[in-house]
Amino acid sequence: MSPLTHDDLVVVDGLQINNWDRKVLEELRAGGVTGVNATCAVWEGPAETTRAIADWYQLARDNDDVVVLAETAEQIRAAKAAGKVAVLLGFQNTSPFGDDYRLVEVFHRLGVRVAQLTYNIQNLVGGACYDANDSGLSAFGGFIVAEMNRVGMLIDLSHVGNRTSRDAIDASAGPVAITHSNPTWFFDHPRNKPDEVIRALADRGGVIGCCLYPNVLGGELTTRAQFCSMIARLVDEIGPDHVAIGSDCTRNWSQDFVAWLRNGRWRPAAANPVEPEWPAWPQWFNGPCDFPAVTEGLLSAGLDEATVRKVLGENWLRLFSQVFATKEAR
């Protein structure tokens, strides 16, 4: 049997937050990335988010030889066969739902398949990773979780506080995800997750996407071998069915956008301790084109071919199939 190559894989990235255009889509295709959870809202409310989704409709229509908007795992597999990039629309906050749980179904009907409960600070749903005191899942948050379960929208806990994460895992009727974080034992950072959260996630069938964003990776000097050894240890700890990749790529943005990500509209830019800047990425991974290096690194770290297939895409596809295929999804 021939050795596994990157081209053999259906590569799925748990999250990217690029400034999307044809050039960025072609970067994904060049890196062999078939499926991606693409952030289309962070701080935006319902009206702004609707326009962002309309922008995606137009981008997909204008570049239908490169990209397809997907709503199922099967459509991602079909995109691999067609040589296209399949995009799942996702949120990194529940701000698009405002204070109305019914908007979960509205955005699901518009094609959104993933939503993170909080982004860095407390919102109506619960606490976040940078809150000094994590309040836990709110009453409204409980209804949001239940509604996401009902329609078939994946719950993401990446920027969510640890108490709220545990509450959401317990409240959810099905498995949930951490699309782009690392274990705190690898790098101690508020955006990374402690063992008790990761194990609770895995025990309920969820998936964690190990993240390449420098701030949670340990900086630009973190080596490929260190990153892939982290994945190998995590596979040993929670099993090969629960570990994936969520790169958190940030292609094609100006410096102004990182300030928007940090501040939203909840605080003035002057309140930042230092002026926000994009961090430098590791030399071995600068963006989606470098995904083949991840495959090489995982094989070099001693993972067998079946596990590499799972980590690079099959675990996301399994989770998507399970979560999206609810009886009430339309």
C-alpha atoms as a PDB file:
ATOM      1  CA  MET A   1       0.000   0.000   0.000  1.00  0.00           C
ATOM      2  CA  SER A   2       1.289   3.475  -0.880  1.00  0.00           C
ATOM      3  CA  PRO A   3       2.115   5.784   2.045  1.00  0.00           C
ATOM      4  CA  LEU A   4      -0.468   8.381   3.002  1.00  0.00           C
ATOM      5  CA  THR A   5      -0.083  11.769   1.305  1.00  0.00           C
ATOM      6  CA  HIS A   6      -1.720  15.121   2.025  1.00  0.00           C
ATOM      7  CA  ASP A   7      -3.682  14.875  -1.222  1.00  0.00           C
ATOM      8  CA  ASP A   8      -5.341  11.686   0.049  1.00  0.00           C
ATOM      9  CA  LEU A   9      -7.016  13.550   2.913  1.00  0.00           C
ATOM     10  CA  VAL A  10     -10.273  15.441   3.229  1.00  0.00           C
ATOM     11  CA  VAL A  11      -8.766  18.341   5.190  1.00  0.00           C
ATOM     12  CA  VAL A  12     -11.209  20.330   7.308  1.00  0.00           C
ATOM     13  CA  ASP A  13     -10.173  23.408   9.301  1.00  0.00           C
ATOM     14  CA  GLY A  14     -12.238  24.033  12.425  1.00  0.00           C
ATOM     15  CA  LEU A  15     -12.006  27.806  12.059  1.00  0.00           C
ATOM     16  CA  GLN A  16     -10.528  30.577   9.946  1.00  0.00           C
ATOM     17  CA  ILE A  17     -11.319  34.280  10.229  1.00  0.00           C
ATOM     18  CA  ASN A  18      -9.859  35.633   6.997  1.00  0.00           C
ATOM     19  CA  ASN A  19     -10.849  38.681   4.990  1.00  0.00           C
ATOM     20  CA  TRP A  20     -12.241  36.435   2.321  1.00  0.00           C
ATOM     21  CA  ASP A  21     -11.693  36.950  -1.398  1.00  0.00           C
ATOM     22  CA  ARG A  22     -10.741  34.742  -4.334  1.00  0.00           C
ATOM     23  CA  LYS A  23      -7.032  34.928  -3.525  1.00  0.00           C
ATOM     24  CA  VAL A  24      -7.598  33.622   0.005  1.00  0.00           C
ATOM     25  CA  LEU A  25      -9.863  30.849  -1.272  1.00  0.00           C
ATOM     26  CA  GLU A  26      -7.143  29.822  -3.698  1.00  0.00           C
ATOM     27  CA  GLU A  27      -4.666  29.706  -0.802  1.00  0.00           C
ATOM     28  CA  LEU A  28      -6.914  27.141   0.878  1.00  0.00           C
ATOM     29  CA  ARG A  29      -7.191  25.108  -2.290  1.00  0.00           C
ATOM     30  CA  ALA A  30      -3.419  25.237  -2.775  1.00  0.00           C
ATOM     31  CA  GLY A  31      -2.963  23.934   0.782  1.00  0.00           C
ATOM     32  CA  GLY A  32      -5.377  21.079   0.173  1.00  0.00           C
ATOM     33  CA  VAL A  33      -8.037  22.465   2.540  1.00  0.00           C
ATOM     34  CA  THR A  34     -11.459  21.198   1.453  1.00  0.00           C
ATOM     35  CA  GLY A  35     -13.708  22.369   4.298  1.00  0.00           C
ATOM     36  CA  VAL A  36     -13.557  25.350   6.640  1.00  0.00           C
ATOM     37  CA  ASN A  37     -15.682  26.955   9.324  1.00  0.00           C
ATOM     38  CA  ALA A  38     -15.504  30.578   8.139  1.00  0.00           C
ATOM     39  CA  THR A  39     -16.285  33.283  10.682  1.00  0.00           C
ATOM     40  CA  CYS A  40     -18.785  35.807   9.334  1.00  0.00           C
ATOM     41  CA  ALA A  41     -19.646  37.560  12.622  1.00  0.00           C
ATOM     42  CA  VAL A  42     -17.898  38.382  15.900  1.00  0.00           C
ATOM     43  CA  TRP A  43     -19.391  41.537  17.437  1.00  0.00           C
ATOM     44  CA  GLU A  44     -22.047  42.190  14.805  1.00  0.00           C
ATOM     45  CA  GLY A  45     -25.742  42.286  15.618  1.00  0.00           C
ATOM     46  CA  PRO A  46     -28.543  40.693  13.570  1.00  0.00           C
ATOM     47  CA  ALA A  47     -28.711  43.276  10.765  1.00  0.00           C
ATOM     48  CA  GLU A  48     -24.953  43.531  10.184  1.00  0.00           C
ATOM     49  CA  THR A  49     -24.633  39.763  10.270  1.00  0.00           C
ATOM     50  CA  THR A  50     -27.338  39.361   7.651  1.00  0.00           C
ATOM     51  CA  ARG A  51     -25.364  41.644   5.331  1.00  0.00           C
ATOM     52  CA  ALA A  52     -22.199  39.638   6.012  1.00  0.00           C
ATOM     53  CA  ILE A  53     -24.010  36.472   4.975  1.00  0.00           C
ATOM     54  CA  ALA A  54     -25.239  38.242   1.835  1.00  0.00           C
ATOM     55  CA  ASP A  55     -21.610  39.105   1.074  1.00  0.00           C
ATOM     56  CA  TRP A  56     -20.768  35.404   1.304  1.00  0.00           C
ATOM     57  CA  TYR A  57     -23.609  34.510  -1.043  1.00  0.00           C
ATOM     58  CA  GLN A  58     -22.220  36.968  -3.571  1.00  0.00           C
ATOM     59  CA  LEU A  59     -18.603  35.809  -3.143  1.00  0.00           C
ATOM     60  CA  ALA A  60     -19.658  32.188  -3.641  1.00  0.00           C
ATOM     61  CA  ARG A  61     -21.743  33.072  -6.687  1.00  0.00           C
ATOM     62  CA  ASP A  62     -18.929  35.063  -8.267  1.00  0.00           C
ATOM     63  CA  ASN A  63     -16.339  32.313  -7.616  1.00  0.00           C
ATOM     64  CA  ASP A  64     -18.353  29.144  -8.026  1.00  0.00           C
ATOM     65  CA  ASP A  65     -15.429  27.424  -9.736  1.00  0.00           C
ATOM     66  CA  VAL A  66     -13.473  27.618  -6.454  1.00  0.00           C
ATOM     67  CA  VAL A  67     -15.926  27.667  -3.562  1.00  0.00           C
ATOM     68  CA  VAL A  68     -19.254  26.202  -2.490  1.00  0.00           C
ATOM     69  CA  LEU A  69     -21.311  27.111   0.580  1.00  0.00           C
ATOM     70  CA  ALA A  70     -21.910  23.876   2.468  1.00  0.00           C
ATOM     71  CA  GLU A  71     -24.424  22.862   5.113  1.00  0.00           C
ATOM     72  CA  THR A  72     -23.569  19.155   5.485  1.00  0.00           C
ATOM     73  CA  ALA A  73     -20.574  16.865   5.776  1.00  0.00           C
ATOM     74  CA  GLU A  74     -21.629  15.212   2.528  1.00  0.00           C
ATOM     75  CA  GLN A  75     -21.318  18.530   0.690  1.00  0.00           C
ATOM     76  CA  ILE A  76     -17.781  18.897   2.028  1.00  0.00           C
ATOM     77  CA  ARG A  77     -16.877  15.469   0.693  1.00  0.00           C
ATOM     78  CA  ALA A  78     -18.432  16.394  -2.659  1.00  0.00           C
ATOM     79  CA  ALA A  79     -16.318  19.556  -2.750  1.00  0.00           C
ATOM     80  CA  LYS A  80     -13.185  17.418  -2.352  1.00  0.00           C
ATOM     81  CA  ALA A  81     -14.185  15.395  -5.420  1.00  0.00           C
ATOM     82  CA  ALA A  82     -14.873  18.613  -7.360  1.00  0.00           C
ATOM     83  CA  GLY A  83     -11.608  20.312  -6.355  1.00  0.00           C
ATOM     84  CA  LYS A  84     -13.417  23.117  -4.530  1.00  0.00           C
ATOM     85  CA  VAL A  85     -13.349  24.665  -1.047  1.00  0.00           C
ATOM     86  CA  ALA A  86     -16.499  24.042   1.018  1.00  0.00           C
ATOM     87  CA  VAL A  87     -17.357  26.857   3.432  1.00  0.00           C
ATOM     88  CA  LEU A  88     -19.501  26.406   6.546  1.00  0.00           C
ATOM     89  CA  LEU A  89     -20.709  29.792   7.749  1.00  0.00           C
ATOM     90  CA  GLY A  90     -20.038  30.350  11.441  1.00  0.00           C
ATOM     91  CA  PHE A  91     -20.204  32.920  14.228  1.00  0.00           C
ATOM     92  CA  GLN A  92     -17.640  33.576  16.962  1.00  0.00           C
ATOM     93  CA  ASN A  93     -20.260  35.076  19.225  1.00  0.00           C
ATOM     94  CA  THR A  94     -23.992  34.881  19.856  1.00  0.00           C
ATOM     95  CA  SER A  95     -24.387  38.634  19.297  1.00  0.00           C
ATOM     96  CA  PRO A  96     -26.103  37.932  15.931  1.00  0.00           C
ATOM     97  CA  PHE A  97     -29.002  36.413  17.898  1.00  0.00           C
ATOM     98  CA  GLY A  98     -29.468  39.633  19.885  1.00  0.00           C
ATOM     99  CA  ASP A  99     -31.834  38.888  22.742  1.00  0.00           C
ATOM    100  CA  ASP A 100     -34.107  36.609  20.721  1.00  0.00           C
ATOM    101  CA  TYR A 101     -33.552  32.837  20.777  1.00  0.00           C
ATOM    102  CA  ARG A 102     -35.720  32.480  17.639  1.00  0.00           C
ATOM    103  CA  LEU A 103     -32.970  34.030  15.519  1.00  0.00           C
ATOM    104  CA  VAL A 104     -31.019  30.791  15.919  1.00  0.00           C
ATOM    105  CA  GLU A 105     -33.455  29.150  13.511  1.00  0.00           C
ATOM    106  CA  VAL A 106     -33.469  32.199  11.222  1.00  0.00           C
ATOM    107  CA  PHE A 107     -29.686  32.112  10.792  1.00  0.00           C
ATOM    108  CA  HIS A 108     -29.689  28.328  10.517  1.00  0.00           C
ATOM    109  CA  ARG A 109     -32.082  28.677   7.568  1.00  0.00           C
ATOM    110  CA  LEU A 110     -29.653  31.197   6.068  1.00  0.00           C
ATOM    111  CA  GLY A 111     -26.904  28.571   6.186  1.00  0.00           C
ATOM    112  CA  VAL A 112     -25.102  29.187   9.487  1.00  0.00           C
ATOM    113  CA  ARG A 113     -23.962  25.914  11.036  1.00  0.00           C
ATOM    114  CA  VAL A 114     -21.577  26.897  13.870  1.00  0.00           C
ATOM    115  CA  ALA A 115     -21.838  29.492  16.650  1.00  0.00           C
ATOM    116  CA  GLN A 116     -19.483  30.237  19.542  1.00  0.00           C
ATOM    117  CA  LEU A 117     -21.361  31.136  22.702  1.00  0.00           C
ATOM    118  CA  THR A 118     -19.203  34.081  23.841  1.00  0.00           C
ATOM    119  CA  TYR A 119     -16.273  36.057  22.485  1.00  0.00           C
ATOM    120  CA  ASN A 120     -13.751  37.048  25.185  1.00  0.00           C
ATOM    121  CA  ILE A 121     -16.212  38.917  27.446  1.00  0.00           C
ATOM    122  CA  GLN A 122     -19.523  38.279  29.182  1.00  0.00           C
ATOM    123  CA  ASN A 123     -22.640  38.439  27.033  1.00  0.00           C
ATOM    124  CA  LEU A 124     -26.296  37.522  27.482  1.00  0.00           C
ATOM    125  CA  VAL A 125     -25.493  33.821  27.104  1.00  0.00           C
ATOM    126  CA  GLY A 126     -22.693  33.459  29.651  1.00  0.00           C
ATOM    127  CA  GLY A 127     -19.109  34.132  30.696  1.00  0.00           C
ATOM    128  CA  ALA A 128     -15.984  34.302  28.577  1.00  0.00           C
ATOM    129  CA  CYS A 129     -12.333  33.400  28.814  1.00  0.00           C
ATOM    130  CA  TYR A 130     -11.114  36.890  29.769  1.00  0.00           C
ATOM    131  CA  ASP A 131     -13.728  37.544  32.444  1.00  0.00           C
ATOM    132  CA  ALA A 132     -12.270  37.735  35.945  1.00  0.00           C
ATOM    133  CA  ASN A 133     -15.408  35.980  37.192  1.00  0.00           C
ATOM    134  CA  ASP A 134     -17.086  33.506  34.864  1.00  0.00           C
ATOM    135  CA  SER A 135     -20.815  33.699  35.601  1.00  0.00           C
ATOM    136  CA  GLY A 136     -21.693  30.402  33.950  1.00  0.00           C
ATOM    137  CA  LEU A 137     -24.414  29.737  31.399  1.00  0.00           C
ATOM    138  CA  SER A 138     -27.330  32.140  31.847  1.00  0.00           C
ATOM    139  CA  ALA A 139     -31.032  31.276  31.615  1.00  0.00           C
ATOM    140  CA  PHE A 140     -31.048  32.818  28.125  1.00  0.00           C
ATOM    141  CA  GLY A 141     -27.941  30.798  27.323  1.00  0.00           C
ATOM    142  CA  GLY A 142     -29.794  27.626  28.214  1.00  0.00           C
ATOM    143  CA  PHE A 143     -32.476  28.423  25.666  1.00  0.00           C
ATOM    144  CA  ILE A 144     -29.835  29.273  23.044  1.00  0.00           C
ATOM    145  CA  VAL A 145     -28.140  25.903  23.626  1.00  0.00           C
ATOM    146  CA  ALA A 146     -31.464  24.074  23.411  1.00  0.00           C
ATOM    147  CA  GLU A 147     -32.413  25.883  20.203  1.00  0.00           C
ATOM    148  CA  MET A 148     -29.038  25.213  18.614  1.00  0.00           C
ATOM    149  CA  ASN A 149     -29.521  21.541  19.481  1.00  0.00           C
ATOM    150  CA  ARG A 150     -33.005  21.573  17.983  1.00  0.00           C
ATOM    151  CA  VAL A 151     -32.099  23.043  14.601  1.00  0.00           C
ATOM    152  CA  GLY A 152     -28.697  21.374  14.251  1.00  0.00           C
ATOM    153  CA  MET A 153     -26.157  24.135  14.854  1.00  0.00           C
ATOM    154  CA  LEU A 154     -22.775  23.240  16.372  1.00  0.00           C
ATOM    155  CA  ILE A 155     -21.949  24.861  19.717  1.00  0.00           C
ATOM    156  CA  ASP A 156     -18.393  26.262  19.883  1.00  0.00           C
ATOM    157  CA  LEU A 157     -16.666  26.944  23.240  1.00  0.00           C
ATOM    158  CA  SER A 158     -13.305  28.300  22.070  1.00  0.00           C
ATOM    159  CA  HIS A 159     -13.436  31.800  23.626  1.00  0.00           C
ATOM    160  CA  VAL A 160     -15.880  30.755  26.348  1.00  0.00           C
ATOM    161  CA  GLY A 161     -15.081  30.755  30.054  1.00  0.00           C
ATOM    162  CA  ASN A 162     -14.336  27.423  31.707  1.00  0.00           C
ATOM    163  CA  ARG A 163     -17.386  27.411  33.983  1.00  0.00           C
ATOM    164  CA  THR A 164     -19.691  28.401  31.136  1.00  0.00           C
ATOM    165  CA  SER A 165     -18.047  25.752  28.952  1.00  0.00           C
ATOM    166  CA  ARG A 166     -18.774  23.033  31.506  1.00  0.00           C
ATOM    167  CA  ASP A 167     -22.348  24.281  31.894  1.00  0.00           C
ATOM    168  CA  ALA A 168     -22.859  24.223  28.111  1.00  0.00           C
ATOM    169  CA  ILE A 169     -21.391  20.721  27.758  1.00  0.00           C
ATOM    170  CA  ASP A 170     -23.765  19.503  30.460  1.00  0.00           C
ATOM    171  CA  ALA A 171     -26.764  21.385  29.040  1.00  0.00           C
ATOM    172  CA  SER A 172     -26.315  20.300  25.439  1.00  0.00           C
ATOM    173  CA  ALA A 173     -28.261  17.284  24.248  1.00  0.00           C
ATOM    174  CA  GLY A 174     -25.434  16.388  21.862  1.00  0.00           C
ATOM    175  CA  PRO A 175     -21.687  16.848  21.437  1.00  0.00           C
ATOM    176  CA  VAL A 176     -20.132  20.293  21.188  1.00  0.00           C
ATOM    177  CA  ALA A 177     -16.825  21.653  19.906  1.00  0.00           C
ATOM    178  CA  ILE A 178     -13.832  23.717  20.852  1.00  0.00           C
ATOM    179  CA  THR A 179     -12.943  24.735  17.318  1.00  0.00           C
ATOM    180  CA  HIS A 180      -9.649  26.574  17.942  1.00  0.00           C
ATOM    181  CA  SER A 181      -7.844  26.226  21.279  1.00  0.00           C
ATOM    182  CA  ASN A 182      -5.037  24.215  22.855  1.00  0.00           C
ATOM    183  CA  PRO A 183      -4.624  22.536  26.253  1.00  0.00           C
ATOM    184  CA  THR A 184      -3.333  24.755  29.048  1.00  0.00           C
ATOM    185  CA  TRP A 185      -0.726  22.079  29.817  1.00  0.00           C
ATOM    186  CA  PHE A 186       0.830  22.930  26.445  1.00  0.00           C
ATOM    187  CA  PHE A 187       0.640  26.709  26.829  1.00  0.00           C
ATOM    188  CA  ASP A 188      -0.984  28.449  29.781  1.00  0.00           C
ATOM    189  CA  HIS A 189      -3.201  31.134  28.248  1.00  0.00           C
ATOM    190  CA  PRO A 190      -6.782  32.262  29.071  1.00  0.00           C
ATOM    191  CA  ARG A 191      -7.914  31.177  25.586  1.00  0.00           C
ATOM    192  CA  ASN A 192      -6.653  27.621  26.102  1.00  0.00           C
ATOM    193  CA  LYS A 193      -8.534  24.898  27.954  1.00  0.00           C
ATOM    194  CA  PRO A 194      -7.792  22.951  31.155  1.00  0.00           C
ATOM    195  CA  ASP A 195      -8.001  19.166  31.341  1.00  0.00           C
ATOM    196  CA  GLU A 196     -11.399  19.096  33.020  1.00  0.00           C
ATOM    197  CA  VAL A 197     -13.044  20.995  30.146  1.00  0.00           C
ATOM    198  CA  ILE A 198     -11.306  18.984  27.417  1.00  0.00           C
ATOM    199  CA  ARG A 199     -12.125  15.654  29.057  1.00  0.00           C
ATOM    200  CA  ALA A 200     -15.757  16.632  29.616  1.00  0.00           C
ATOM    201  CA  LEU A 201     -15.983  17.626  25.945  1.00  0.00           C
ATOM    202  CA  ALA A 202     -14.524  14.305  24.788  1.00  0.00           C
ATOM    203  CA  ASP A 203     -16.664  12.263  27.183  1.00  0.00           C
ATOM    204  CA  ARG A 204     -19.752  13.695  25.454  1.00  0.00           C
ATOM    205  CA  GLY A 205     -18.413  12.945  21.967  1.00  0.00           C
ATOM    206  CA  GLY A 206     -17.066  16.410  21.158  1.00  0.00           C
ATOM    207  CA  VAL A 207     -13.974  17.527  19.252  1.00  0.00           C
ATOM    208  CA  ILE A 208     -11.207  20.043  20.032  1.00  0.00           C
ATOM    209  CA  GLY A 209      -9.442  21.777  17.148  1.00  0.00           C
ATOM    210  CA  CYS A 210      -5.806  22.374  18.066  1.00  0.00           C
ATOM    211  CA  CYS A 211      -4.917  25.930  17.176  1.00  0.00           C
ATOM    212  CA  LEU A 212      -2.015  27.493  15.284  1.00  0.00           C
ATOM    213  CA  TYR A 213      -2.739  31.117  16.201  1.00  0.00           C
ATOM    214  CA  PRO A 214       0.527  32.339  17.771  1.00  0.00           C
ATOM    215  CA  ASN A 215      -1.023  33.802  20.922  1.00  0.00           C
ATOM    216  CA  VAL A 216      -2.347  30.393  22.002  1.00  0.00           C
ATOM    217  CA  LEU A 217       0.434  28.355  20.398  1.00  0.00           C
ATOM    218  CA  GLY A 218       3.223  29.865  22.478  1.00  0.00           C
ATOM    219  CA  GLY A 219       4.538  32.311  19.865  1.00  0.00           C
ATOM    220  CA  GLU A 220       6.268  32.215  16.524  1.00  0.00           C
ATOM    221  CA  LEU A 221       9.182  30.140  17.849  1.00  0.00           C
ATOM    222  CA  THR A 222       6.996  27.134  18.648  1.00  0.00           C
ATOM    223  CA  THR A 223       8.164  24.359  16.350  1.00  0.00           C
ATOM    224  CA  ARG A 224       6.160  21.998  14.204  1.00  0.00           C
ATOM    225  CA  ALA A 225       7.504  19.099  16.246  1.00  0.00           C
ATOM    226  CA  GLN A 226       6.223  20.691  19.472  1.00  0.00           C
ATOM    227  CA  PHE A 227       2.778  21.323  18.007  1.00  0.00           C
ATOM    228  CA  CYS A 228       2.467  17.823  16.585  1.00  0.00           C
ATOM    229  CA  SER A 229       3.768  16.236  19.799  1.00  0.00           C
ATOM    230  CA  MET A 230       1.010  18.127  21.633  1.00  0.00           C
ATOM    231  CA  ILE A 231      -1.553  16.572  19.293  1.00  0.00           C
ATOM    232  CA  ALA A 232      -0.039  13.117  19.799  1.00  0.00           C
ATOM    233  CA  ARG A 233      -0.252  13.470  23.585  1.00  0.00           C
ATOM    234  CA  LEU A 234      -3.831  14.742  23.359  1.00  0.00           C
ATOM    235  CA  VAL A 235      -4.761  11.750  21.193  1.00  0.00           C
ATOM    236  CA  ASP A 236      -3.319   9.485  23.904  1.00  0.00           C
ATOM    237  CA  GLU A 237      -5.248  11.333  26.623  1.00  0.00           C
ATOM    238  CA  ILE A 238      -8.737  11.658  25.113  1.00  0.00           C
ATOM    239  CA  GLY A 239      -8.670   9.320  22.114  1.00  0.00           C
ATOM    240  CA  PRO A 240      -8.139   9.741  18.377  1.00  0.00           C
ATOM    241  CA  ASP A 241     -11.811  10.536  17.691  1.00  0.00           C
ATOM    242  CA  HIS A 242     -11.786  13.844  19.566  1.00  0.00           C
ATOM    243  CA  VAL A 243      -8.768  15.771  18.228  1.00  0.00           C
ATOM    244  CA  ALA A 244      -8.686  17.928  15.098  1.00  0.00           C
ATOM    245  CA  ILE A 245      -7.234  21.190  13.750  1.00  0.00           C
ATOM    246  CA  GLY A 246      -8.617  24.738  13.986  1.00  0.00           C
ATOM    247  CA  SER A 247      -5.926  27.005  12.589  1.00  0.00           C
ATOM    248  CA  ASP A 248      -7.567  30.396  13.313  1.00  0.00           C
ATOM    249  CA  CYS A 249      -5.927  31.788  10.164  1.00  0.00           C
ATOM    250  CA  THR A 250      -6.270  35.575   9.767  1.00  0.00           C
ATOM    251  CA  ARG A 251      -5.334  36.211   6.139  1.00  0.00           C
ATOM    252  CA  ASN A 252      -5.743  39.484   4.245  1.00  0.00           C
ATOM    253  CA  TRP A 253      -6.565  41.825   7.148  1.00  0.00           C
ATOM    254  CA  SER A 254      -5.176  45.263   7.993  1.00  0.00           C
ATOM    255  CA  GLN A 255      -3.964  46.187  11.472  1.00  0.00           C
ATOM    256  CA  ASP A 256      -7.291  47.932  12.087  1.00  0.00           C
ATOM    257  CA  PHE A 257      -9.156  44.648  12.152  1.00  0.00           C
ATOM    258  CA  VAL A 258      -7.215  43.181  15.067  1.00  0.00           C
ATOM    259  CA  ALA A 259      -8.227  46.247  17.095  1.00  0.00           C
ATOM    260  CA  TRP A 260     -11.872  45.574  16.155  1.00  0.00           C
ATOM    261  CA  LEU A 261     -11.521  41.953  17.281  1.00  0.00           C
ATOM    262  CA  ARG A 262     -10.084  42.992  20.650  1.00  0.00           C
ATOM    263  CA  ASN A 263     -12.410  45.931  21.308  1.00  0.00           C
ATOM    264  CA  GLY A 264     -15.660  45.494  19.423  1.00  0.00           C
ATOM    265  CA  ARG A 265     -17.833  48.342  20.624  1.00  0.00           C
ATOM    266  CA  TRP A 266     -17.572  47.506  24.306  1.00  0.00           C
ATOM    267  CA  ARG A 267     -14.477  49.568  25.068  1.00  0.00           C
ATOM    268  CA  PRO A 268     -12.500  52.413  23.452  1.00  0.00           C
ATOM    269  CA  ALA A 269      -9.231  51.615  21.692  1.00  0.00           C
ATOM    270  CA  ALA A 270      -7.424  53.829  24.224  1.00  0.00           C
ATOM    271  CA  ALA A 271      -8.330  51.316  26.942  1.00  0.00           C
ATOM    272  CA  ASN A 272      -5.958  48.691  25.497  1.00  0.00           C
ATOM    273  CA  PRO A 273      -2.789  48.260  27.585  1.00  0.00           C
ATOM    274  CA  VAL A 274      -0.844  48.209  24.301  1.00  0.00           C
ATOM    275  CA  GLU A 275      -1.906  48.958  20.746  1.00  0.00           C
ATOM    276  CA  PRO A 276      -3.301  45.740  19.213  1.00  0.00           C
ATOM    277  CA  GLU A 277      -1.158  44.163  16.514  1.00  0.00           C
ATOM    278  CA  TRP A 278      -1.290  40.886  14.638  1.00  0.00           C
ATOM    279  CA  PRO A 279       1.227  38.409  16.063  1.00  0.00           C
ATOM    280  CA  ALA A 280       3.993  36.864  13.957  1.00  0.00           C
ATOM    281  CA  TRP A 281       3.224  33.307  12.836  1.00  0.00           C
ATOM    282  CA  PRO A 282       5.677  30.389  12.959  1.00  0.00           C
ATOM    283  CA  GLN A 283       7.898  30.101   9.924  1.00  0.00           C
ATOM    284  CA  TRP A 284       6.597  26.585   9.229  1.00  0.00           C
ATOM    285  CA  PHE A 285       2.939  27.711   9.213  1.00  0.00           C
ATOM    286  CA  ASN A 286       2.080  31.135   7.812  1.00  0.00           C
ATOM    287  CA  GLY A 287      -1.329  30.300   6.400  1.00  0.00           C
ATOM    288  CA  PRO A 288      -3.545  27.734   4.651  1.00  0.00           C
ATOM    289  CA  CYS A 289      -0.911  26.959   2.005  1.00  0.00           C
ATOM    290  CA  ASP A 290       1.173  25.332   4.732  1.00  0.00           C
ATOM    291  CA  PHE A 291      -1.297  22.615   5.726  1.00  0.00           C
ATOM    292  CA  PRO A 292       0.816  19.921   4.022  1.00  0.00           C
ATOM    293  CA  ALA A 293       3.493  20.658   6.648  1.00  0.00           C
ATOM    294  CA  VAL A 294       0.996  19.735   9.372  1.00  0.00           C
ATOM    295  CA  THR A 295       0.335  16.379   7.737  1.00  0.00           C
ATOM    296  CA  GLU A 296       4.069  15.706   7.494  1.00  0.00           C
ATOM    297  CA  GLY A 297       4.532  16.716  11.122  1.00  0.00           C
ATOM    298  CA  LEU A 298       1.772  14.439  12.415  1.00  0.00           C
ATOM    299  CA  LEU A 299       3.218  11.465  10.557  1.00  0.00           C
ATOM    300  CA  SER A 300       6.689  12.336  11.882  1.00  0.00           C
ATOM    301  CA  ALA A 301       5.252  12.498  15.417  1.00  0.00           C
ATOM    302  CA  GLY A 302       4.342   8.836  15.109  1.00  0.00           C
ATOM    303  CA  LEU A 303       0.591   9.026  14.518  1.00  0.00           C
ATOM    304  CA  ASP A 304      -0.717   6.195  12.371  1.00  0.00           C
ATOM    305  CA  GLU A 305      -2.374   6.964   9.056  1.00  0.00           C
ATOM    306  CA  ALA A 306      -5.914   6.337  10.333  1.00  0.00           C
ATOM    307  CA  THR A 307      -5.397   8.830  13.166  1.00  0.00           C
ATOM    308  CA  VAL A 308      -3.898  11.435  10.829  1.00  0.00           C
ATOM    309  CA  ARG A 309      -6.990  11.150   8.614  1.00  0.00           C
ATOM    310  CA  LYS A 310      -9.191  11.722  11.649  1.00  0.00           C
ATOM    311  CA  VAL A 311      -7.222  14.692  12.985  1.00  0.00           C
ATOM    312  CA  LEU A 312      -6.980  16.426   9.607  1.00  0.00           C
ATOM    313  CA  GLY A 313     -10.661  16.167   8.765  1.00  0.00           C
ATOM    314  CA  GLU A 314     -12.617  13.012   9.501  1.00  0.00           C
ATOM    315  CA  ASN A 315     -13.338  13.934  13.129  1.00  0.00           C
ATOM    316  CA  TRP A 316     -14.906  17.227  12.066  1.00  0.00           C
ATOM    317  CA  LEU A 317     -16.929  15.465   9.381  1.00  0.00           C
ATOM    318  CA  ARG A 318     -18.229  12.904  11.872  1.00  0.00           C
ATOM    319  CA  LEU A 319     -19.208  15.633  14.341  1.00  0.00           C
ATOM    320  CA  PHE A 320     -20.870  17.709  11.632  1.00  0.00           C
ATOM    321  CA  SER A 321     -22.873  14.699  10.462  1.00  0.00           C
ATOM    322  CA  GLN A 322     -24.050  13.994  13.985  1.00  0.00           C
ATOM    323  CA  VAL A 323     -24.935  17.577  14.958  1.00  0.00           C
ATOM    324  CA  PHE A 324     -26.371  18.859  11.689  1.00  0.00           C
ATOM    325  CA  ALA A 325     -28.641  15.855  11.063  1.00  0.00           C
ATOM    326  CA  THR A 326     -31.239  16.590  13.727  1.00  0.00           C
ATOM    327  CA  LYS A 327     -34.855  15.580  13.245  1.00  0.00           C
ATOM    328  CA  GLU A 328     -35.951  19.202  13.238  1.00  0.00           C
ATOM    329  CA  ALA A 329     -33.249  20.618  10.954  1.00  0.00           C
ATOM    330  CA  ARG A 330     -34.659  22.026   7.744  1.00  0.00           C
END
